Amino acid sequence: MTIYLQKSDSGAFRQTIRVHQDSHQHTLFADVAAALGGDDSAPDPHDIFDASLAACKAITLLMYAKRKQLPLDWVDVEINRDNSQEAQGLYQLNVVLKLVGSLSDGDRQQLLAIADKCPIHKLMTAATVQVNTRLVQSGSEGL
């Protein structure tokens, strides 16, 4: 899987993100708010980061429920970000789950526990992530 990002043709900061996975390509966009000089034409990078957690929790719960044959119809996820202390190293994401289906209280508690085991939650909270950045010359291989 490779992700390519290039400056979009429109907007001061708008970016085009292409995700290549197997034989498929998906296109996303990123921008920043007008207050930061952008056009607010797409989610900002923080929004995409936070959204990955919401998507992962929902997909994880749906897959788990299917495997365990729990009557979960769908999951709605709301994430509220508190980045007021991000500069001090604390980035808080407050997650609210709505589990829709004929679930018992026990099923709901089991799914709540599973939600915190989704791969992105674990990546955000328990993994050491290394980012290695290098430069290439314009026109050379790598982009």
Protein backbone atom coordinates (compact mmCIF):
# COMPACT_ATOMS: atom_id res chain seq x y z
CA MET A 1 0.00 0.00 0.00
CA THR A 2 1.37 3.39 -0.99
CA ILE A 3 -0.03 6.86 -0.40
CA TYR A 4 0.82 9.70 -2.76
CA LEU A 5 0.04 13.32 -1.97
CA GLN A 6 0.36 16.23 -4.36
CA LYS A 7 -0.72 19.85 -4.30
CA SER A 8 -4.15 20.18 -5.90
CA ASP A 9 -4.65 22.49 -8.85
CA SER A 10 -7.08 24.62 -6.86
CA GLY A 11 -6.73 26.31 -3.50
CA ALA A 12 -3.78 27.67 -1.59
CA PHE A 13 -3.25 24.56 0.55
CA ARG A 14 -5.60 21.91 -0.89
CA GLN A 15 -3.91 18.51 -1.30
CA THR A 16 -4.88 15.48 -3.38
CA ILE A 17 -4.23 12.17 -1.66
CA ARG A 18 -4.15 8.97 -3.67
CA VAL A 19 -4.16 5.67 -1.82
CA HIS A 20 -2.97 2.72 -3.92
CA GLN A 21 -3.90 -0.63 -2.49
CA ASP A 22 -3.63 -3.76 -4.60
CA SER A 23 -5.30 -2.88 -7.92
CA HIS A 24 -7.50 -0.11 -6.49
CA GLN A 25 -6.94 3.60 -6.11
CA HIS A 26 -8.89 5.85 -3.78
CA THR A 27 -8.73 9.63 -3.85
CA LEU A 28 -9.14 11.89 -0.83
CA PHE A 29 -8.54 15.58 -0.31
CA ALA A 30 -7.17 17.66 2.54
CA ASP A 31 -7.21 21.39 3.18
CA VAL A 32 -7.13 23.79 6.10
CA ALA A 33 -9.63 26.31 7.42
CA ALA A 34 -9.98 29.76 5.90
CA ALA A 35 -8.63 31.22 9.16
CA LEU A 36 -5.33 29.47 8.36
CA GLY A 37 -5.28 30.65 4.74
CA GLY A 38 -6.97 27.62 3.20
CA ASP A 39 -10.29 27.29 1.48
CA ASP A 40 -11.85 24.84 3.96
CA SER A 41 -12.67 22.68 0.93
CA ALA A 42 -11.83 19.36 2.58
CA PRO A 43 -11.07 17.93 6.01
CA ASP A 44 -7.81 19.04 7.58
CA PRO A 45 -5.16 16.44 8.49
CA HIS A 46 -6.36 16.31 12.12
CA ASP A 47 -9.88 15.52 10.89
CA ILE A 48 -8.57 12.68 8.74
CA PHE A 49 -6.57 11.31 11.69
CA ASP A 50 -9.63 11.44 13.96
CA ALA A 51 -11.91 10.00 11.27
CA SER A 52 -9.64 6.99 10.90
CA LEU A 53 -10.37 6.12 14.52
CA ALA A 54 -14.14 6.45 14.02
CA ALA A 55 -14.09 4.29 10.88
CA CYS A 56 -11.90 1.65 12.49
CA LYS A 57 -14.10 1.36 15.59
CA ALA A 58 -17.27 1.01 13.50
CA ILE A 59 -15.78 -1.54 11.10
CA THR A 60 -14.21 -3.53 13.94
CA LEU A 61 -17.52 -3.71 15.80
CA LEU A 62 -19.47 -4.72 12.70
CA MET A 63 -16.95 -7.45 11.84
CA TYR A 64 -16.88 -8.74 15.42
CA ALA A 65 -20.68 -8.76 15.67
CA LYS A 66 -20.95 -10.64 12.37
CA ARG A 67 -18.42 -13.24 13.49
CA LYS A 68 -20.13 -13.68 16.90
CA GLN A 69 -23.60 -13.51 15.31
CA LEU A 70 -24.63 -10.55 17.48
CA PRO A 71 -27.69 -8.58 16.28
CA LEU A 72 -25.80 -5.36 15.53
CA ASP A 73 -27.35 -3.56 12.55
CA TRP A 74 -24.97 -0.60 12.42
CA VAL A 75 -22.74 1.69 14.49
CA ASP A 76 -22.79 5.46 14.63
CA VAL A 77 -19.64 7.09 15.99
CA GLU A 78 -19.19 10.65 17.20
CA ILE A 79 -15.72 11.94 18.02
CA ASN A 80 -15.11 15.21 19.79
CA ARG A 81 -11.53 16.45 19.72
CA ASP A 82 -9.88 18.35 22.55
CA ASN A 83 -6.55 19.50 21.21
CA SER A 84 -6.20 22.39 23.65
CA GLN A 85 -3.10 20.73 25.15
CA GLU A 86 -1.66 19.24 21.96
CA ALA A 87 1.48 21.39 22.27
CA GLN A 88 2.05 19.81 25.69
CA GLY A 89 1.70 16.31 24.24
CA LEU A 90 -1.94 15.58 25.11
CA TYR A 91 -4.43 15.05 22.27
CA GLN A 92 -7.80 13.84 23.52
CA LEU A 93 -10.44 12.14 21.42
CA ASN A 94 -13.75 11.59 23.18
CA VAL A 95 -15.71 8.85 21.45
CA VAL A 96 -19.45 8.22 21.70
CA LEU A 97 -20.82 5.01 20.20
CA LYS A 98 -24.40 4.34 19.20
CA LEU A 99 -24.98 0.63 18.71
CA VAL A 100 -28.13 -0.03 16.72
CA GLY A 101 -29.73 -3.46 16.93
CA SER A 102 -31.54 -5.82 19.30
CA LEU A 103 -28.58 -6.12 21.64
CA SER A 104 -28.63 -7.16 25.29
CA ASP A 105 -26.82 -5.08 27.90
CA GLY A 106 -24.17 -7.80 27.95
CA ASP A 107 -23.75 -7.57 24.17
CA ARG A 108 -23.37 -3.78 24.44
CA GLN A 109 -20.71 -4.04 27.15
CA GLN A 110 -18.84 -6.67 25.14
CA LEU A 111 -18.89 -4.44 22.06
CA LEU A 112 -17.75 -1.43 24.09
CA ALA A 113 -14.69 -3.42 25.21
CA ILE A 114 -14.00 -4.55 21.63
CA ALA A 115 -14.21 -0.95 20.35
CA ASP A 116 -11.03 -0.07 22.24
CA LYS A 117 -9.25 -3.00 20.59
CA CYS A 118 -9.60 -1.75 17.04
CA PRO A 119 -6.25 -1.53 15.23
CA ILE A 120 -6.23 2.27 14.92
CA HIS A 121 -7.07 2.73 18.63
CA LYS A 122 -4.17 0.44 19.51
CA LEU A 123 -1.90 2.22 17.03
CA MET A 124 -2.78 5.61 18.50
CA THR A 125 -2.40 4.55 22.12
CA ALA A 126 0.02 1.64 22.39
CA ALA A 127 2.38 1.55 19.42
CA THR A 128 5.64 3.30 18.86
CA VAL A 129 5.36 4.91 15.44
CA GLN A 130 8.52 5.81 13.57
CA VAL A 131 8.35 8.29 10.71
CA ASN A 132 11.41 8.40 8.46
CA THR A 133 11.42 11.35 6.06
CA ARG A 134 13.88 11.85 3.22
CA LEU A 135 14.26 14.18 0.26
CA VAL A 136 14.45 13.22 -3.41
CA GLN A 137 15.46 15.47 -6.29
CA SER A 138 12.70 16.79 -8.49
CA GLY A 139 12.16 14.38 -11.37
CA SER A 140 13.79 11.40 -9.63
CA GLU A 141 12.18 8.13 -8.57
CA GLY A 142 10.18 8.00 -5.37
CA LEU A 143 7.15 10.13 -6.25
